Amino acid sequence: MANKRCLQPVSVVVSFLFLFIFSFCQVTFGHAVLIEANPPLNSQVEESPAEIRYVFNERLEKRLFYIRVFNEHGELMTDDQAQMSEDQREVSLELPLLPNGTYTVTYHIVSADGHPVEQSGYLTVGSSSQQPSSWYMLNVVNQQNHEGVSIDRMLYYAALLFLTGWLFWGIFFSFQEETNEATYRQWLQRFRHFFLFSLLITGGLQLSSLLRDWGIASLIPELSKSLWGWTWLISLLLAASAYWILRKTKWIDALWILLLLVIEGLVGHAITFSPAFLTVFIDIIHLVVATVWVGGLWFFIVFWKSARREMIRFYPLFSQAALISILVATGSGLLLTFLFIPKWSYLIKTVWGILLIVKTALVLAVVLVAQSVRTKMKLNQVDQLERLLRIDFSLMIAIVIIVGALTYVNPLPQNKPLYWNEKRPSVHLMTQITPKAPGDNQISVHAKMVQADREVKLVEVSLVNRDGKVAPIQVPVEPIDSEVEEIGDAFRAQGPYLPFAGNWTIEVRVRDSNDDEKMYKKDFTVY
């Protein structure tokens, strides 16, 4: 009965968190984000481009990337391999002369932290009646696959923290009774199994995604040269060695913990931000203090009833370590947030920021519960601690789940192409800005008059910076030939008309053959 009562608050918290996290499952998961594309995805060019070039917001894995171009028959247009720039942020592919037509362009890259990102879109060369509408592309093709945030990542981080934390306290605390030592070893064995299982599942899912695109013959040599491949293999070796080398010598246990956490730091968010040495170091410190807190609290949960005297002796050691851990975790978390995001306002614009705010609130709740536990211990009211320990345990599980999600969610808001469909009684307007990022963009407008006796005479486009930094920017859209009659007259311009990030408004003025003029506006944000 006691165990059931202990699990009740845990099940409530876990259920709530899974609902909360997966309600965002379609939003900005993954890491590397496309910030510049030339030519843009889902665009039309007059002549065959010499190359396709994609620039990302962070450093990429040196291996396991490609750009492929297919014609309408699914035939590959070039066998040449894509090339990566020295700073590992840019991928390009030289193209042969492409005849007029519509092509499918697809790319696949792996973030430096090991997370795959892939996307497809169309490229129309010249005028083509085969060009799909922007709205079809929005819903069917222009979907960026980031592999999502998944339960396996949460389980992996839970296994990592529980195993390293349990082993950490086994180094610094010795049991006086053999039965408690035996219980400790039983739980250590369970955590070994849990960690190895979660590592195999996480790696297996990653490998299955890569196998789909590369095949076994090409994948093995590529993995052997990639950071993710090496770190996963070393983690697997450490997980296997845990069955033979742990609990023999304390310094070996400490070195094993340190190696595992350093490897985890090398494939987390921190490796993709500058300066990488500093961000990785802070991230490792953050992992160490989380390990101390999770392992110590689980000590209390396991041994509180069966070895209360041992836990009363353990409490002063854990209390001091937990206080230091929370202080260091708070400081390192603030530093990482400062290094990860350029503006604090981004915290409320991304899933990563929202989860971080929730995690911060839970940590504050942990501090309050810890203070209550400390007060009860000072007053020697140990019989009243069970409820507080259940609450603390529930908060710990919630925080571990959020940490697992945070490792797979992008800290930065993403720029996505603007697709704006405006249907009014007099005109149907379709406007597209691609990639809708600072720098070079393609802006296209399709306008069709509803009344058959009227035609589009003039279309004017301007971009207004709502932050007041610059005067309105006139976009010199020019009429282009379009063989797709149902989407109306087409106008397009390409250039650096979005010079910097900020809040913008696109204004489209449409004048018909009777010289009646209407203006339509759409607000958007560039990050």
Protein backbone atom coordinates (compact mmCIF):
# COMPACT_ATOMS: atom_id res chain seq x y z
CA MET A 1 0.00 0.00 0.00
CA ALA A 2 2.82 2.37 0.83
CA ASN A 3 4.43 1.80 -2.55
CA LYS A 4 1.14 2.48 -4.31
CA ARG A 5 0.65 5.71 -2.38
CA CYS A 6 4.21 6.66 -3.27
CA LEU A 7 3.55 6.16 -6.97
CA GLN A 8 0.27 8.07 -7.09
CA PRO A 9 1.76 11.58 -7.32
CA VAL A 10 4.40 10.27 -9.72
CA SER A 11 1.82 8.92 -12.17
CA VAL A 12 -0.12 12.19 -12.11
CA VAL A 13 2.98 14.28 -12.78
CA VAL A 14 4.29 11.97 -15.50
CA SER A 15 0.91 11.84 -17.28
CA PHE A 16 0.59 15.62 -17.20
CA LEU A 17 4.11 16.14 -18.54
CA PHE A 18 3.71 13.69 -21.41
CA LEU A 19 0.50 15.43 -22.44
CA PHE A 20 2.17 18.83 -22.15
CA ILE A 21 5.32 17.89 -24.10
CA PHE A 22 3.64 15.92 -26.87
CA SER A 23 1.03 18.61 -27.42
CA PHE A 24 3.94 20.49 -29.05
CA CYS A 25 5.05 17.52 -31.14
CA GLN A 26 4.69 19.41 -34.44
CA VAL A 27 6.63 22.46 -33.33
CA THR A 28 10.32 23.18 -33.94
CA PHE A 29 11.83 19.88 -32.96
CA GLY A 30 15.36 19.19 -34.03
CA HIS A 31 18.45 21.36 -34.03
CA ALA A 32 20.13 22.57 -37.23
CA VAL A 33 17.87 25.08 -39.00
CA LEU A 34 18.11 26.22 -42.61
CA ILE A 35 18.70 30.00 -42.58
CA GLU A 36 19.69 30.62 -46.20
CA ALA A 37 18.93 28.76 -49.42
CA ASN A 38 20.05 29.68 -52.92
CA PRO A 39 17.89 29.12 -54.81
CA PRO A 40 15.19 29.02 -52.14
CA LEU A 41 13.15 25.88 -51.64
CA ASN A 42 9.79 25.96 -53.43
CA SER A 43 10.83 28.72 -55.81
CA GLN A 44 11.01 29.48 -59.53
CA VAL A 45 14.08 30.68 -61.41
CA GLU A 46 14.38 31.85 -65.02
CA GLU A 47 17.56 29.90 -65.78
CA SER A 48 19.20 26.74 -64.49
CA PRO A 49 21.26 27.61 -61.37
CA ALA A 50 24.95 26.66 -61.33
CA GLU A 51 24.63 25.21 -57.83
CA ILE A 52 22.34 24.69 -54.87
CA ARG A 53 23.66 26.13 -51.61
CA TYR A 54 22.16 25.75 -48.13
CA VAL A 55 23.41 27.56 -45.00
CA PHE A 56 22.44 26.42 -41.49
CA ASN A 57 22.39 28.16 -38.14
CA GLU A 58 24.89 25.83 -36.49
CA ARG A 59 27.81 23.52 -37.19
CA LEU A 60 26.96 20.24 -38.90
CA GLU A 61 28.37 16.74 -38.70
CA LYS A 62 31.17 16.34 -41.27
CA ARG A 63 29.63 13.16 -42.63
CA LEU A 64 26.18 11.82 -43.46
CA PHE A 65 24.89 14.71 -45.59
CA TYR A 66 23.62 15.05 -49.15
CA ILE A 67 21.66 17.21 -51.59
CA ARG A 68 19.79 15.37 -54.34
CA VAL A 69 17.82 16.69 -57.30
CA PHE A 70 15.22 14.60 -59.15
CA ASN A 71 13.18 15.33 -62.26
CA GLU A 72 9.46 14.61 -62.65
CA HIS A 73 10.26 10.98 -63.52
CA GLY A 74 12.21 10.44 -60.28
CA GLU A 75 15.57 10.37 -62.09
CA LEU A 76 18.63 11.74 -60.30
CA MET A 77 19.97 14.77 -62.20
CA THR A 78 23.60 14.47 -61.05
CA ASP A 79 25.75 11.84 -59.38
CA ASP A 80 28.09 14.48 -57.93
CA GLN A 81 28.35 14.62 -54.15
CA ALA A 82 27.46 17.67 -52.09
CA GLN A 83 30.35 19.57 -50.51
CA MET A 84 30.60 21.10 -47.03
CA SER A 85 32.33 24.39 -46.16
CA GLU A 86 35.26 24.59 -43.76
CA ASP A 87 33.11 26.06 -40.98
CA GLN A 88 30.69 23.10 -41.40
CA ARG A 89 27.64 25.34 -41.74
CA GLU A 90 27.18 25.35 -45.50
CA VAL A 91 26.36 22.51 -47.91
CA SER A 92 26.42 22.97 -51.69
CA LEU A 93 25.92 20.87 -54.83
CA GLU A 94 27.08 21.79 -58.34
CA LEU A 95 24.38 21.25 -60.95
CA PRO A 96 24.45 20.39 -64.65
CA LEU A 97 22.36 22.49 -67.01
CA LEU A 98 18.75 21.75 -66.06
CA PRO A 99 16.11 21.93 -68.83
CA ASN A 100 12.96 23.93 -68.09
CA GLY A 101 10.70 21.99 -65.76
CA THR A 102 9.90 21.28 -62.13
CA TYR A 103 12.40 19.38 -59.97
CA THR A 104 12.29 17.90 -56.49
CA VAL A 105 15.17 18.96 -54.26
CA THR A 106 15.87 17.05 -51.05
CA TYR A 107 18.63 17.41 -48.49
CA HIS A 108 19.74 15.47 -45.42
CA ILE A 109 22.17 16.71 -42.77
CA VAL A 110 23.07 15.70 -39.22
CA SER A 111 23.55 18.35 -36.53
CA ALA A 112 26.84 18.32 -34.66
CA ASP A 113 24.86 17.01 -31.66
CA GLY A 114 23.82 13.95 -33.67
CA HIS A 115 20.24 14.79 -34.64
CA PRO A 116 19.22 14.27 -38.30
CA VAL A 117 17.31 16.90 -40.27
CA GLU A 118 15.92 16.45 -43.77
CA GLN A 119 13.62 18.42 -46.03
CA SER A 120 12.25 18.38 -49.57
CA GLY A 121 10.84 21.05 -51.82
CA TYR A 122 10.44 21.92 -55.48
CA LEU A 123 12.48 24.06 -57.87
CA THR A 124 10.95 25.29 -61.11
CA VAL A 125 13.31 26.28 -63.92
CA GLY A 126 11.67 28.62 -66.45
CA SER A 127 7.88 28.55 -66.77
CA SER A 128 6.20 25.22 -66.18
CA SER A 129 2.58 24.17 -66.01
CA GLN A 130 3.71 21.37 -63.70
CA GLN A 131 4.53 23.76 -60.84
CA PRO A 132 2.39 22.82 -57.83
CA SER A 133 0.63 25.54 -55.92
CA SER A 134 2.34 27.08 -52.89
CA TRP A 135 -0.43 25.90 -50.62
CA TYR A 136 -0.09 22.30 -51.74
CA MET A 137 3.64 22.50 -51.09
CA LEU A 138 3.03 23.98 -47.66
CA ASN A 139 1.01 20.98 -46.59
CA VAL A 140 2.64 18.15 -48.53
CA VAL A 141 6.27 18.80 -49.44
CA ASN A 142 7.66 21.60 -47.33
CA GLN A 143 7.67 19.62 -44.13
CA GLN A 144 10.97 19.48 -42.29
CA ASN A 145 11.58 16.14 -40.59
CA HIS A 146 13.51 16.42 -37.33
CA GLU A 147 12.71 12.95 -35.96
CA GLY A 148 10.70 14.66 -33.25
CA VAL A 149 11.08 14.47 -29.52
CA SER A 150 10.53 10.90 -28.44
CA ILE A 151 10.13 8.76 -25.38
CA ASP A 152 13.43 7.00 -26.07
CA ARG A 153 15.34 10.25 -25.43
CA MET A 154 13.56 10.79 -22.14
CA LEU A 155 14.22 7.20 -21.06
CA TYR A 156 17.87 7.54 -22.06
CA TYR A 157 18.42 10.63 -19.91
CA ALA A 158 16.57 9.09 -17.01
CA ALA A 159 18.77 5.99 -17.27
CA LEU A 160 21.93 8.12 -17.56
CA LEU A 161 21.17 10.22 -14.48
CA PHE A 162 19.94 7.33 -12.34
CA LEU A 163 22.93 5.10 -13.13
CA THR A 164 25.62 7.75 -12.69
CA GLY A 165 23.90 9.24 -9.64
CA TRP A 166 23.47 5.86 -7.94
CA LEU A 167 27.10 4.99 -8.63
CA PHE A 168 28.27 8.44 -7.43
CA TRP A 169 26.76 8.02 -3.99
CA GLY A 170 28.07 4.47 -3.80
CA ILE A 171 31.55 6.02 -3.94
CA PHE A 172 31.01 8.48 -1.10
CA PHE A 173 28.67 6.58 1.21
CA SER A 174 29.32 3.19 2.80
CA PHE A 175 26.55 1.04 4.27
CA GLN A 176 27.02 -0.41 7.73
CA GLU A 177 24.77 -3.44 7.12
CA GLU A 178 25.42 -6.07 4.48
CA THR A 179 21.73 -6.36 3.56
CA ASN A 180 21.67 -2.68 2.54
CA GLU A 181 24.82 -3.17 0.47
CA ALA A 182 23.13 -6.09 -1.28
CA THR A 183 20.08 -3.93 -2.01
CA TYR A 184 22.36 -1.25 -3.40
CA ARG A 185 24.02 -3.75 -5.76
CA GLN A 186 20.63 -5.03 -6.94
CA TRP A 187 19.57 -1.51 -7.91
CA LEU A 188 22.92 -0.90 -9.57
CA GLN A 189 22.34 -3.98 -11.73
CA ARG A 190 18.88 -2.72 -12.68
CA PHE A 191 20.26 0.66 -13.67
CA ARG A 192 22.97 -1.03 -15.77
CA HIS A 193 20.27 -2.94 -17.66
CA PHE A 194 18.13 0.19 -18.00
CA PHE A 195 20.99 2.30 -19.38
CA LEU A 196 22.20 -0.32 -21.85
CA PHE A 197 18.65 -0.92 -23.08
CA SER A 198 17.91 2.81 -23.55
CA LEU A 199 21.26 3.37 -25.30
CA LEU A 200 20.57 0.54 -27.75
CA ILE A 201 17.06 1.79 -28.44
CA THR A 202 18.15 5.42 -28.99
CA GLY A 203 21.07 4.42 -31.20
CA GLY A 204 19.00 1.86 -33.06
CA LEU A 205 16.35 4.42 -33.98
CA GLN A 206 19.03 6.83 -35.17
CA LEU A 207 20.75 4.12 -37.22
CA SER A 208 17.49 2.99 -38.81
CA SER A 209 16.89 6.54 -40.03
CA LEU A 210 20.40 6.75 -41.48
CA LEU A 211 20.18 3.29 -43.06
CA ARG A 212 17.09 4.35 -44.97
CA ASP A 213 19.12 7.01 -46.79
CA TRP A 214 22.60 5.47 -46.96
CA GLY A 215 22.46 1.69 -46.88
CA ILE A 216 24.71 -0.52 -44.78
CA ALA A 217 27.70 -0.46 -47.17
CA SER A 218 27.96 3.34 -47.17
CA LEU A 219 26.84 3.91 -43.58
CA ILE A 220 29.60 2.00 -41.76
CA PRO A 221 32.56 4.02 -43.13
CA GLU A 222 30.64 7.26 -42.71
CA LEU A 223 29.79 6.50 -39.08
CA SER A 224 33.42 5.67 -38.32
CA LYS A 225 34.35 9.23 -39.25
CA SER A 226 31.48 11.04 -37.53
CA LEU A 227 31.38 12.47 -34.01
CA TRP A 228 28.01 10.91 -33.27
CA GLY A 229 29.20 7.48 -34.44
CA TRP A 230 32.28 7.54 -32.21
CA THR A 231 30.50 8.87 -29.13
CA TRP A 232 27.69 6.33 -29.43
CA LEU A 233 30.17 3.49 -29.85
CA ILE A 234 32.24 4.63 -26.83
CA SER A 235 29.04 4.98 -24.75
CA LEU A 236 28.10 1.43 -25.75
CA LEU A 237 31.52 0.14 -24.68
CA LEU A 238 31.23 1.96 -21.34
CA ALA A 239 27.74 0.54 -20.80
CA ALA A 240 29.03 -2.98 -21.47
CA SER A 241 32.11 -2.50 -19.26
CA ALA A 242 29.85 -1.41 -16.37
CA TYR A 243 29.04 -5.09 -15.74
CA TRP A 244 32.69 -5.96 -15.06
CA ILE A 245 34.66 -2.97 -13.79
CA LEU A 246 32.26 -1.06 -11.50
CA ARG A 247 32.27 -1.40 -7.71
CA LYS A 248 35.83 -2.72 -7.74
CA THR A 249 37.78 0.49 -7.12
CA LYS A 250 36.35 3.90 -6.29
CA TRP A 251 38.62 5.85 -8.62
CA ILE A 252 37.59 3.62 -11.54
CA ASP A 253 33.93 4.26 -10.70
CA ALA A 254 34.58 8.03 -10.62
CA LEU A 255 36.48 7.93 -13.92
CA TRP A 256 33.70 5.87 -15.53
CA ILE A 257 31.08 8.45 -14.46
CA LEU A 258 33.21 11.33 -15.73
CA LEU A 259 33.87 9.71 -19.11
CA LEU A 260 30.18 8.99 -19.67
CA LEU A 261 29.12 12.54 -18.79
CA VAL A 262 31.88 14.09 -20.94
CA ILE A 263 30.75 12.02 -23.92
CA GLU A 264 27.17 13.11 -23.34
CA GLY A 265 28.32 16.74 -23.24
CA LEU A 266 29.98 16.30 -26.64
CA VAL A 267 26.73 15.33 -28.37
CA GLY A 268 24.35 17.74 -26.65
CA HIS A 269 23.14 21.22 -27.56
CA ALA A 270 26.31 22.78 -26.20
CA ILE A 271 28.62 21.48 -28.94
CA THR A 272 26.71 23.47 -31.58
CA PHE A 273 27.16 26.86 -29.89
CA SER A 274 30.22 29.10 -29.63
CA PRO A 275 32.58 29.07 -27.88
CA ALA A 276 32.17 25.27 -27.97
CA PHE A 277 34.77 24.57 -25.27
CA LEU A 278 32.98 26.82 -22.78
CA THR A 279 29.45 25.65 -23.57
CA VAL A 280 30.44 21.96 -23.42
CA PHE A 281 32.30 22.47 -20.14
CA ILE A 282 29.29 24.21 -18.56
CA ASP A 283 26.98 21.50 -19.88
CA ILE A 284 29.13 18.77 -18.30
CA ILE A 285 29.07 20.62 -14.96
CA HIS A 286 25.29 20.84 -15.29
CA LEU A 287 25.09 17.07 -15.86
CA VAL A 288 27.35 16.32 -12.88
CA VAL A 289 25.24 18.28 -10.40
CA ALA A 290 22.04 16.76 -11.81
CA THR A 291 23.59 13.33 -11.27
CA VAL A 292 24.37 14.14 -7.63
CA TRP A 293 20.82 15.27 -6.90
CA VAL A 294 18.98 12.46 -8.74
CA GLY A 295 21.14 9.71 -7.24
CA GLY A 296 20.92 11.05 -3.70
CA LEU A 297 17.16 11.45 -3.78
CA TRP A 298 16.71 7.92 -5.10
CA PHE A 299 18.85 6.72 -2.17
CA PHE A 300 16.21 8.14 0.15
CA ILE A 301 13.32 6.60 -1.79
CA VAL A 302 14.86 3.10 -1.77
CA PHE A 303 16.23 2.99 1.79
CA TRP A 304 13.96 5.26 3.80
CA LYS A 305 11.74 2.47 5.11
CA SER A 306 14.21 -0.42 5.27
CA ALA A 307 17.30 1.46 6.46
CA ARG A 308 16.10 4.65 8.16
CA ARG A 309 19.09 4.88 10.48
CA GLU A 310 21.41 4.69 7.49
CA MET A 311 19.45 7.49 5.79
CA ILE A 312 19.54 9.71 8.87
CA ARG A 313 23.32 9.30 8.74
CA PHE A 314 23.26 9.93 4.97
CA TYR A 315 21.09 13.05 5.17
CA PRO A 316 23.73 15.67 6.26
CA LEU A 317 26.01 14.59 3.40
CA PHE A 318 23.23 14.66 0.83
CA SER A 319 21.67 17.88 2.13
CA GLN A 320 24.89 19.81 1.68
CA ALA A 321 25.57 18.27 -1.74
CA ALA A 322 21.99 18.88 -2.91
CA LEU A 323 22.15 22.57 -1.92
CA ILE A 324 25.42 23.04 -3.81
CA SER A 325 24.01 21.09 -6.76
CA ILE A 326 20.93 23.27 -7.04
CA LEU A 327 22.99 26.47 -6.82
CA VAL A 328 25.49 25.28 -9.42
CA ALA A 329 22.71 23.92 -11.66
CA THR A 330 20.91 27.26 -11.51
CA GLY A 331 24.08 29.19 -12.34
CA SER A 332 25.17 26.88 -15.15
CA GLY A 333 21.63 26.80 -16.52
CA LEU A 334 21.50 30.59 -16.67
CA LEU A 335 24.89 30.71 -18.40
CA LEU A 336 23.83 28.11 -20.98
CA THR A 337 20.58 29.95 -21.64
CA PHE A 338 22.52 33.19 -22.13
CA LEU A 339 24.87 31.45 -24.58
CA PHE A 340 22.11 29.55 -26.40
CA ILE A 341 19.62 32.31 -27.13
CA PRO A 342 20.33 35.90 -28.27
CA LYS A 343 17.14 37.34 -26.73
CA TRP A 344 15.39 36.39 -23.51
CA SER A 345 12.05 37.00 -25.23
CA TYR A 346 12.71 33.83 -27.26
CA LEU A 347 11.92 31.83 -24.11
CA ILE A 348 8.20 32.28 -24.71
CA LYS A 349 8.44 31.68 -28.47
CA THR A 350 9.89 28.16 -28.50
CA VAL A 351 9.04 24.81 -26.96
CA TRP A 352 12.56 24.76 -25.51
CA GLY A 353 11.94 28.05 -23.70
CA ILE A 354 8.54 26.99 -22.37
CA LEU A 355 9.95 23.70 -21.09
CA LEU A 356 12.83 25.58 -19.47
CA ILE A 357 10.40 27.87 -17.67
CA VAL A 358 8.43 24.84 -16.41
CA LYS A 359 11.66 23.18 -15.31
CA THR A 360 12.70 26.34 -13.44
CA ALA A 361 9.36 26.41 -11.61
CA LEU A 362 9.81 22.76 -10.64
CA VAL A 363 13.33 23.45 -9.35
CA LEU A 364 11.95 26.25 -7.18
CA ALA A 365 9.40 23.79 -5.82
CA VAL A 366 12.28 21.39 -5.05
CA VAL A 367 14.01 24.13 -3.05
CA LEU A 368 10.86 24.72 -1.00
CA VAL A 369 10.41 21.00 -0.33
CA ALA A 370 14.09 20.64 0.59
CA GLN A 371 13.73 23.45 3.11
CA SER A 372 10.74 21.69 4.65
CA VAL A 373 12.71 18.43 4.87
CA ARG A 374 15.61 20.26 6.52
CA THR A 375 13.25 21.79 9.09
CA LYS A 376 11.67 18.41 9.90
CA MET A 377 15.10 16.85 10.36
CA LYS A 378 16.23 19.61 12.71
CA LEU A 379 13.08 19.12 14.78
CA ASN A 380 13.66 15.36 14.74
CA GLN A 381 10.28 14.80 13.07
CA VAL A 382 11.55 12.06 10.77
CA ASP A 383 8.23 10.19 10.86
CA GLN A 384 6.63 13.09 8.95
CA LEU A 385 9.12 13.04 6.08
CA GLU A 386 7.54 10.33 3.93
CA ARG A 387 5.00 12.66 2.29
CA LEU A 388 7.68 15.26 1.56
CA LEU A 389 9.92 12.60 0.03
CA ARG A 390 7.08 11.47 -2.24
CA ILE A 391 6.59 15.05 -3.42
CA ASP A 392 10.34 15.51 -3.94
CA PHE A 393 10.50 12.25 -5.90
CA SER A 394 7.60 13.35 -8.12
CA LEU A 395 9.34 16.64 -8.85
CA MET A 396 12.55 14.78 -9.67
CA ILE A 397 10.79 12.52 -12.20
CA ALA A 398 9.14 15.56 -13.78
CA ILE A 399 12.45 17.39 -14.12
CA VAL A 400 14.18 14.32 -15.61
CA ILE A 401 11.43 14.02 -18.23
CA ILE A 402 11.78 17.69 -19.14
CA VAL A 403 15.58 17.37 -19.35
CA GLY A 404 15.13 14.50 -21.81
CA ALA A 405 12.85 16.69 -23.94
CA LEU A 406 15.13 19.74 -23.73
CA THR A 407 18.02 17.81 -25.25
CA TYR A 408 16.02 17.26 -28.44
CA VAL A 409 14.29 20.60 -28.88
CA ASN A 410 15.84 23.58 -30.63
CA PRO A 411 16.56 26.53 -28.29
CA LEU A 412 16.11 29.02 -31.14
CA PRO A 413 12.88 29.89 -32.96
CA GLN A 414 12.94 28.85 -36.59
CA ASN A 415 12.37 30.94 -39.67
CA LYS A 416 9.90 29.25 -41.98
CA PRO A 417 8.74 30.44 -45.41
CA LEU A 418 5.71 32.72 -45.35
CA TYR A 419 2.70 31.36 -47.23
CA TRP A 420 -0.14 33.87 -47.20
CA ASN A 421 -3.45 33.20 -48.91
CA GLU A 422 -5.88 36.14 -48.94
CA LYS A 423 -9.35 35.63 -50.42
CA ARG A 424 -11.46 38.77 -50.75
CA PRO A 425 -14.66 39.48 -52.71
CA SER A 426 -12.69 41.32 -55.40
CA VAL A 427 -9.37 39.46 -55.56
CA HIS A 428 -7.61 36.22 -54.64
CA LEU A 429 -4.06 36.86 -53.48
CA MET A 430 -1.29 34.35 -52.81
CA THR A 431 2.02 35.63 -51.45
CA GLN A 432 5.16 33.71 -50.61
CA ILE A 433 8.45 34.78 -48.97
CA THR A 434 11.20 32.16 -49.09
CA PRO A 435 13.13 31.39 -46.91
CA LYS A 436 11.90 34.39 -44.85
CA ALA A 437 15.27 34.86 -43.17
CA PRO A 438 17.71 37.78 -42.94
CA GLY A 439 19.41 38.29 -46.30
CA ASP A 440 18.42 37.15 -49.76
CA ASN A 441 14.76 36.16 -50.19
CA GLN A 442 12.44 35.39 -53.06
CA ILE A 443 9.13 37.22 -52.87
CA SER A 444 6.35 36.11 -55.20
CA VAL A 445 2.75 37.28 -55.55
CA HIS A 446 -0.08 35.67 -57.49
CA ALA A 447 -3.15 37.87 -57.95
CA LYS A 448 -6.42 37.01 -59.69
CA MET A 449 -9.47 39.26 -59.98
CA VAL A 450 -12.75 37.61 -59.03
CA GLN A 451 -14.81 39.58 -61.57
CA ALA A 452 -14.29 38.20 -65.08
CA ASP A 453 -14.42 41.67 -66.70
CA ARG A 454 -11.50 42.97 -64.65
CA GLU A 455 -7.79 42.26 -64.83
CA VAL A 456 -4.81 42.93 -62.61
CA LYS A 457 -3.15 46.14 -63.80
CA LEU A 458 -0.46 46.69 -61.18
CA VAL A 459 0.96 45.00 -58.10
CA GLU A 460 3.22 46.85 -55.65
CA VAL A 461 4.94 45.27 -52.64
CA SER A 462 6.62 46.93 -49.69
CA LEU A 463 8.15 45.59 -46.46
CA VAL A 464 7.61 47.63 -43.31
CA ASN A 465 9.80 47.16 -40.24
CA ARG A 466 7.43 47.41 -37.27
CA ASP A 467 10.38 48.01 -34.92
CA GLY A 468 10.93 51.39 -36.62
CA LYS A 469 14.56 50.76 -37.55
CA VAL A 470 14.23 51.63 -41.26
CA ALA A 471 11.78 53.27 -43.61
CA PRO A 472 9.52 50.98 -45.68
CA ILE A 473 11.44 48.95 -48.27
CA GLN A 474 9.96 48.92 -51.77
CA VAL A 475 10.22 45.49 -53.39
CA PRO A 476 10.48 45.81 -57.20
CA VAL A 477 8.32 42.84 -58.19
CA GLU A 478 8.17 42.20 -61.92
CA PRO A 479 5.51 40.29 -63.84
CA ILE A 480 6.55 36.81 -64.92
CA ASP A 481 5.01 34.28 -67.26
CA SER A 482 2.82 31.71 -65.58
CA GLU A 483 1.14 28.81 -67.35
CA VAL A 484 -0.98 28.02 -64.30
CA GLU A 485 -4.06 30.06 -65.10
CA GLU A 486 -6.00 29.27 -61.91
CA ILE A 487 -3.49 31.11 -59.69
CA GLY A 488 -3.68 34.35 -61.69
CA ASP A 489 -1.01 36.84 -62.72
CA ALA A 490 2.41 36.21 -61.23
CA PHE A 491 4.94 38.75 -59.93
CA ARG A 492 8.32 38.07 -58.40
CA ALA A 493 11.46 39.69 -56.99
CA GLN A 494 14.58 38.31 -55.39
CA GLY A 495 17.10 40.16 -53.29
CA PRO A 496 18.15 41.22 -49.75
CA TYR A 497 14.83 42.88 -48.94
CA LEU A 498 14.77 41.50 -45.37
CA PRO A 499 18.11 42.93 -44.17
CA PHE A 500 17.87 41.88 -40.52
CA ALA A 501 15.78 40.06 -37.93
CA GLY A 502 12.77 41.75 -36.42
CA ASN A 503 9.03 42.30 -36.72
CA TRP A 504 7.91 42.98 -40.27
CA THR A 505 4.76 43.61 -42.29
CA ILE A 506 4.36 42.88 -45.97
CA GLU A 507 2.00 45.26 -47.80
CA VAL A 508 0.61 44.26 -51.19
CA ARG A 509 -1.24 46.86 -53.29
CA VAL A 510 -3.36 45.54 -56.16
CA ARG A 511 -4.79 47.88 -58.83
CA ASP A 512 -7.28 46.51 -61.35
CA SER A 513 -8.10 47.57 -64.90
CA ASN A 514 -10.70 50.08 -63.57
CA ASP A 515 -7.95 51.71 -61.46
CA ASP A 516 -9.58 50.52 -58.25
CA GLU A 517 -6.84 49.86 -55.68
CA LYS A 518 -6.78 47.77 -52.52
CA MET A 519 -4.01 47.16 -50.01
CA TYR A 520 -3.53 43.97 -48.01
CA LYS A 521 -1.20 43.46 -45.03
CA LYS A 522 0.36 40.50 -43.29
CA ASP A 523 2.51 40.65 -40.13
CA PHE A 524 5.37 38.23 -39.58
CA THR A 525 8.59 37.89 -37.58
CA VAL A 526 12.10 37.14 -38.81
CA TYR A 527 14.44 35.57 -36.25
